[in-house]
Amino acid sequence: QHCAGINHVATILSDLVEKIIPEKLLKLV
């Protein structure tokens, strides 16, 4: 809701994903 909706989020993730390390994601949980 702070990012113009989930569609805009998906669009940003399409570019951000290459910088995300999966193992670091799981540590966030």
All heavy atoms as atom14 arrays in JSON, in Angstrom:
{
  "sequence": "QHCAGINHVATILSDLVEKIIPEKLLKLV",
  "atom14_mask": [
    [1, 1, 1, 1, 1, 1, 1, 1, 1, 0, 0, 0, 0, 0],
    [1, 1, 1, 1, 1, 1, 1, 1, 1, 1, 0, 0, 0, 0],
    [1, 1, 1, 1, 1, 1, 0, 0, 0, 0, 0, 0, 0, 0],
    [1, 1, 1, 1, 1, 0, 0, 0, 0, 0, 0, 0, 0, 0],
    [1, 1, 1, 1, 0, 0, 0, 0, 0, 0, 0, 0, 0, 0],
    [1, 1, 1, 1, 1, 1, 1, 1, 0, 0, 0, 0, 0, 0],
    [1, 1, 1, 1, 1, 1, 1, 1, 0, 0, 0, 0, 0, 0],
    [1, 1, 1, 1, 1, 1, 1, 1, 1, 1, 0, 0, 0, 0],
    [1, 1, 1, 1, 1, 1, 1, 0, 0, 0, 0, 0, 0, 0],
    [1, 1, 1, 1, 1, 0, 0, 0, 0, 0, 0, 0, 0, 0],
    [1, 1, 1, 1, 1, 1, 1, 0, 0, 0, 0, 0, 0, 0],
    [1, 1, 1, 1, 1, 1, 1, 1, 0, 0, 0, 0, 0, 0],
    [1, 1, 1, 1, 1, 1, 1, 1, 0, 0, 0, 0, 0, 0],
    [1, 1, 1, 1, 1, 1, 0, 0, 0, 0, 0, 0, 0, 0],
    [1, 1, 1, 1, 1, 1, 1, 1, 0, 0, 0, 0, 0, 0],
    [1, 1, 1, 1, 1, 1, 1, 1, 0, 0, 0, 0, 0, 0],
    [1, 1, 1, 1, 1, 1, 1, 0, 0, 0, 0, 0, 0, 0],
    [1, 1, 1, 1, 1, 1, 1, 1, 1, 0, 0, 0, 0, 0],
    [1, 1, 1, 1, 1, 1, 1, 1, 1, 0, 0, 0, 0, 0],
    [1, 1, 1, 1, 1, 1, 1, 1, 0, 0, 0, 0, 0, 0],
    [1, 1, 1, 1, 1, 1, 1, 1, 0, 0, 0, 0, 0, 0],
    [1, 1, 1, 1, 1, 1, 1, 0, 0, 0, 0, 0, 0, 0],
    [1, 1, 1, 1, 1, 1, 1, 1, 1, 0, 0, 0, 0, 0],
    [1, 1, 1, 1, 1, 1, 1, 1, 1, 0, 0, 0, 0, 0],
    [1, 1, 1, 1, 1, 1, 1, 1, 0, 0, 0, 0, 0, 0],
    [1, 1, 1, 1, 1, 1, 1, 1, 0, 0, 0, 0, 0, 0],
    [1, 1, 1, 1, 1, 1, 1, 1, 1, 0, 0, 0, 0, 0],
    [1, 1, 1, 1, 1, 1, 1, 1, 0, 0, 0, 0, 0, 0],
    [1, 1, 1, 1, 1, 1, 1, 0, 0, 0, 0, 0, 0, 0]
  ],
  "atom14_positions": [
    [[0.82, -1.21, 0.0], [0.0, 0.0, 0.0], [0.86, 1.27, 0.0], [0.39, 2.34, -0.36], [-0.95, 0.0, 1.21], [-0.28, 0.15, 2.56], [0.15, -1.18, 3.17], [0.36, -2.16, 2.46], [0.25, -1.2, 4.5], [0.0, 0.0, 0.0], [0.0, 0.0, 0.0], [0.0, 0.0, 0.0], [0.0, 0.0, 0.0], [0.0, 0.0, 0.0]],
    [[2.12, 1.14, 0.39], [3.04, 2.28, 0.34], [3.85, 2.29, -0.95], [4.73, 3.15, -1.12], [4.01, 2.22, 1.53], [3.36, 2.44, 2.86], [2.81, 3.65, 3.24], [3.15, 1.6, 3.91], [2.32, 3.56, 4.46], [2.49, 2.31, 4.88], [0.0, 0.0, 0.0], [0.0, 0.0, 0.0], [0.0, 0.0, 0.0], [0.0, 0.0, 0.0]],
    [[3.55, 1.34, -1.83], [4.37, 1.17, -3.04], [3.53, 1.13, -4.31], [3.9, 0.46, -5.28], [5.18, -0.12, -2.93], [6.15, -0.24, -1.42], [0.0, 0.0, 0.0], [0.0, 0.0, 0.0], [0.0, 0.0, 0.0], [0.0, 0.0, 0.0], [0.0, 0.0, 0.0], [0.0, 0.0, 0.0], [0.0, 0.0, 0.0], [0.0, 0.0, 0.0]],
    [[2.4, 1.82, -4.32], [1.52, 1.88, -5.49], [0.93, 0.52, -5.84], [0.56, 0.27, -6.99], [2.24, 2.47, -6.7], [0.0, 0.0, 0.0], [0.0, 0.0, 0.0], [0.0, 0.0, 0.0], [0.0, 0.0, 0.0], [0.0, 0.0, 0.0], [0.0, 0.0, 0.0], [0.0, 0.0, 0.0], [0.0, 0.0, 0.0], [0.0, 0.0, 0.0]],
    [[0.84, -0.4, -4.87], [0.16, -1.67, -5.09], [1.09, -2.81, -5.44], [2.27, -2.64, -5.75], [0.0, 0.0, 0.0], [0.0, 0.0, 0.0], [0.0, 0.0, 0.0], [0.0, 0.0, 0.0], [0.0, 0.0, 0.0], [0.0, 0.0, 0.0], [0.0, 0.0, 0.0], [0.0, 0.0, 0.0], [0.0, 0.0, 0.0], [0.0, 0.0, 0.0]],
    [[0.53, -4.02, -5.39], [1.32, -5.24, -5.58], [1.85, -5.38, -7.0], [2.91, -5.98, -7.21], [0.48, -6.48, -5.17], [1.41, -7.67, -4.84], [-0.54, -6.83, -6.23], [2.17, -7.53, -3.56], [0.0, 0.0, 0.0], [0.0, 0.0, 0.0], [0.0, 0.0, 0.0], [0.0, 0.0, 0.0], [0.0, 0.0, 0.0], [0.0, 0.0, 0.0]],
    [[1.15, -4.82, -7.98], [1.66, -4.9, -9.35], [2.95, -4.11, -9.5], [3.88, -4.55, -10.19], [0.6, -4.37, -10.34], [-0.51, -5.38, -10.57], [-0.28, -6.59, -10.59], [-1.73, -4.9, -10.74], [0.0, 0.0, 0.0], [0.0, 0.0, 0.0], [0.0, 0.0, 0.0], [0.0, 0.0, 0.0], [0.0, 0.0, 0.0], [0.0, 0.0, 0.0]],
    [[2.99, -2.95, -8.87], [4.23, -2.17, -8.93], [5.34, -2.87, -8.16], [6.5, -2.84, -8.58], [3.99, -0.77, -8.36], [5.1, 0.19, -8.65], [5.54, 0.47, -9.93], [5.87, 0.95, -7.82], [6.52, 1.34, -9.87], [6.75, 1.64, -8.61], [0.0, 0.0, 0.0], [0.0, 0.0, 0.0], [0.0, 0.0, 0.0], [0.0, 0.0, 0.0]],
    [[4.98, -3.53, -7.06], [5.96, -4.31, -6.31], [6.55, -5.4, -7.19], [7.77, -5.61, -7.21], [5.32, -4.91, -5.05], [6.23, -5.95, -4.41], [5.0, -3.81, -4.04], [0.0, 0.0, 0.0], [0.0, 0.0, 0.0], [0.0, 0.0, 0.0], [0.0, 0.0, 0.0], [0.0, 0.0, 0.0], [0.0, 0.0, 0.0], [0.0, 0.0, 0.0]],
    [[5.7, -6.12, -7.91], [6.18, -7.18, -8.8], [7.13, -6.63, -9.85], [8.16, -7.25, -10.18], [5.0, -7.88, -9.46], [0.0, 0.0, 0.0], [0.0, 0.0, 0.0], [0.0, 0.0, 0.0], [0.0, 0.0, 0.0], [0.0, 0.0, 0.0], [0.0, 0.0, 0.0], [0.0, 0.0, 0.0], [0.0, 0.0, 0.0], [0.0, 0.0, 0.0]],
    [[6.82, -5.47, -10.37], [7.67, -4.84, -11.38], [9.03, -4.52, -10.8], [10.07, -4.76, -11.45], [7.01, -3.55, -11.91], [5.71, -3.87, -12.41], [7.83, -2.93, -13.02], [0.0, 0.0, 0.0], [0.0, 0.0, 0.0], [0.0, 0.0, 0.0], [0.0, 0.0, 0.0], [0.0, 0.0, 0.0], [0.0, 0.0, 0.0], [0.0, 0.0, 0.0]],
    [[9.07, -3.98, -9.6], [10.35, -3.66, -8.96], [11.14, -4.93, -8.67], [12.36, -4.99, -8.88], [10.11, -2.86, -7.67], [9.5, -1.49, -8.0], [11.4, -2.68, -6.88], [9.02, -0.73, -6.8], [0.0, 0.0, 0.0], [0.0, 0.0, 0.0], [0.0, 0.0, 0.0], [0.0, 0.0, 0.0], [0.0, 0.0, 0.0], [0.0, 0.0, 0.0]],
    [[10.45, -5.97, -8.2], [11.13, -7.23, -7.91], [11.78, -7.84, -9.14], [12.81, -8.51, -9.03], [10.14, -8.22, -7.3], [9.72, -7.98, -5.85], [8.63, -8.96, -5.46], [10.9, -8.09, -4.91], [0.0, 0.0, 0.0], [0.0, 0.0, 0.0], [0.0, 0.0, 0.0], [0.0, 0.0, 0.0], [0.0, 0.0, 0.0], [0.0, 0.0, 0.0]],
    [[11.2, -7.59, -10.31], [11.79, -8.13, -11.54], [13.21, -7.62, -11.75], [14.02, -8.29, -12.4], [10.9, -7.79, -12.74], [10.89, -6.39, -12.99], [0.0, 0.0, 0.0], [0.0, 0.0, 0.0], [0.0, 0.0, 0.0], [0.0, 0.0, 0.0], [0.0, 0.0, 0.0], [0.0, 0.0, 0.0], [0.0, 0.0, 0.0], [0.0, 0.0, 0.0]],
    [[13.52, -6.44, -11.22], [14.87, -5.89, -11.31], [15.69, -6.17, -10.05], [16.9, -6.41, -10.12], [14.82, -4.38, -11.53], [14.36, -4.01, -12.93], [14.52, -4.83, -13.84], [13.82, -2.9, -13.1], [0.0, 0.0, 0.0], [0.0, 0.0, 0.0], [0.0, 0.0, 0.0], [0.0, 0.0, 0.0], [0.0, 0.0, 0.0], [0.0, 0.0, 0.0]],
    [[15.02, -6.15, -8.9], [15.73, -6.32, -7.63], [16.2, -7.75, -7.42], [17.19, -7.99, -6.71], [14.81, -5.9, -6.47], [15.39, -5.88, -5.06], [16.51, -4.85, -4.95], [14.29, -5.6, -4.04], [0.0, 0.0, 0.0], [0.0, 0.0, 0.0], [0.0, 0.0, 0.0], [0.0, 0.0, 0.0], [0.0, 0.0, 0.0], [0.0, 0.0, 0.0]],
    [[15.52, -8.71, -8.04], [15.77, -10.12, -7.78], [17.22, -10.52, -8.01], [17.77, -11.37, -7.27], [14.82, -11.0, -8.62], [15.1, -10.85, -10.11], [14.92, -12.46, -8.19], [0.0, 0.0, 0.0], [0.0, 0.0, 0.0], [0.0, 0.0, 0.0], [0.0, 0.0, 0.0], [0.0, 0.0, 0.0], [0.0, 0.0, 0.0], [0.0, 0.0, 0.0]],
    [[17.88, -9.9, -8.95], [19.27, -10.3, -9.25], [20.23, -9.94, -8.12], [21.36, -10.45, -8.08], [19.73, -9.64, -10.55], [19.76, -8.13, -10.53], [20.05, -7.54, -11.9], [19.56, -8.06, -12.91], [20.79, -6.55, -11.93], [0.0, 0.0, 0.0], [0.0, 0.0, 0.0], [0.0, 0.0, 0.0], [0.0, 0.0, 0.0], [0.0, 0.0, 0.0]],
    [[19.8, -9.09, -7.2], [20.66, -8.72, -6.08], [20.29, -9.43, -4.79], [20.93, -9.22, -3.76], [20.61, -7.2, -5.87], [21.15, -6.42, -7.05], [21.33, -4.95, -6.74], [21.99, -4.23, -7.9], [22.2, -2.79, -7.6], [0.0, 0.0, 0.0], [0.0, 0.0, 0.0], [0.0, 0.0, 0.0], [0.0, 0.0, 0.0], [0.0, 0.0, 0.0]],
    [[19.25, -10.25, -4.84], [18.78, -10.95, -3.64], [19.49, -12.29, -3.5], [19.6, -13.06, -4.45], [17.26, -11.17, -3.72], [16.53, -9.82, -3.71], [16.79, -12.03, -2.55], [15.04, -9.94, -3.93], [0.0, 0.0, 0.0], [0.0, 0.0, 0.0], [0.0, 0.0, 0.0], [0.0, 0.0, 0.0], [0.0, 0.0, 0.0], [0.0, 0.0, 0.0]],
    [[19.96, -12.57, -2.29], [20.59, -13.86, -1.98], [19.58, -14.69, -1.18], [19.17, -14.29, -0.08], [21.88, -13.65, -1.17], [22.89, -12.83, -2.0], [22.5, -14.99, -0.76], [24.14, -12.43, -1.25], [0.0, 0.0, 0.0], [0.0, 0.0, 0.0], [0.0, 0.0, 0.0], [0.0, 0.0, 0.0], [0.0, 0.0, 0.0], [0.0, 0.0, 0.0]],
    [[19.13, -15.83, -1.73], [18.06, -16.61, -1.08], [18.33, -16.96, 0.37], [17.44, -16.89, 1.21], [17.96, -17.86, -1.96], [18.47, -17.42, -3.3], [19.55, -16.43, -3.01], [0.0, 0.0, 0.0], [0.0, 0.0, 0.0], [0.0, 0.0, 0.0], [0.0, 0.0, 0.0], [0.0, 0.0, 0.0], [0.0, 0.0, 0.0], [0.0, 0.0, 0.0]],
    [[19.57, -17.35, 0.68], [19.9, -17.74, 2.05], [19.68, -16.58, 3.03], [19.28, -16.79, 4.18], [21.34, -18.23, 2.12], [21.6, -19.55, 1.41], [21.6, -19.43, -0.12], [21.75, -18.3, -0.62], [21.45, -20.47, -0.79], [0.0, 0.0, 0.0], [0.0, 0.0, 0.0], [0.0, 0.0, 0.0], [0.0, 0.0, 0.0], [0.0, 0.0, 0.0]],
    [[19.94, -15.36, 2.58], [19.72, -14.2, 3.44], [18.24, -13.93, 3.63], [17.83, -13.44, 4.69], [20.43, -12.97, 2.85], [21.94, -13.05, 2.9], [22.59, -11.77, 2.41], [24.11, -11.84, 2.53], [24.76, -10.58, 2.08], [0.0, 0.0, 0.0], [0.0, 0.0, 0.0], [0.0, 0.0, 0.0], [0.0, 0.0, 0.0], [0.0, 0.0, 0.0]],
    [[17.44, -14.28, 2.64], [15.99, -14.16, 2.79], [15.49, -15.05, 3.92], [14.7, -14.64, 4.76], [15.28, -14.56, 1.49], [15.1, -13.53, 0.39], [14.43, -14.19, -0.8], [14.29, -12.33, 0.88], [0.0, 0.0, 0.0], [0.0, 0.0, 0.0], [0.0, 0.0, 0.0], [0.0, 0.0, 0.0], [0.0, 0.0, 0.0], [0.0, 0.0, 0.0]],
    [[15.97, -16.29, 3.92], [15.49, -17.25, 4.91], [15.93, -16.86, 6.32], [15.21, -17.12, 7.29], [15.99, -18.65, 4.55], [15.57, -19.16, 3.17], [16.01, -20.59, 2.97], [14.07, -19.02, 2.96], [0.0, 0.0, 0.0], [0.0, 0.0, 0.0], [0.0, 0.0, 0.0], [0.0, 0.0, 0.0], [0.0, 0.0, 0.0], [0.0, 0.0, 0.0]],
    [[17.07, -16.22, 6.44], [17.51, -15.76, 7.76], [16.58, -14.67, 8.3], [16.43, -14.52, 9.52], [18.95, -15.24, 7.67], [19.99, -16.35, 7.52], [21.4, -15.78, 7.5], [22.43, -16.9, 7.35], [23.82, -16.38, 7.32], [0.0, 0.0, 0.0], [0.0, 0.0, 0.0], [0.0, 0.0, 0.0], [0.0, 0.0, 0.0], [0.0, 0.0, 0.0]],
    [[15.96, -13.92, 7.38], [15.03, -12.88, 7.81], [13.8, -13.49, 8.5], [13.21, -12.85, 9.38], [14.59, -12.04, 6.62], [15.6, -11.06, 6.05], [15.0, -10.3, 4.87], [16.06, -10.08, 7.12], [0.0, 0.0, 0.0], [0.0, 0.0, 0.0], [0.0, 0.0, 0.0], [0.0, 0.0, 0.0], [0.0, 0.0, 0.0], [0.0, 0.0, 0.0]],
    [[13.42, -14.68, 8.1], [12.27, -15.34, 8.72], [12.57, -15.57, 10.2], [11.71, -15.39, 11.07], [11.94, -16.67, 8.03], [10.78, -17.36, 8.72], [11.61, -16.43, 6.56], [0.0, 0.0, 0.0], [0.0, 0.0, 0.0], [0.0, 0.0, 0.0], [0.0, 0.0, 0.0], [0.0, 0.0, 0.0], [0.0, 0.0, 0.0], [0.0, 0.0, 0.0]]
  ]
}
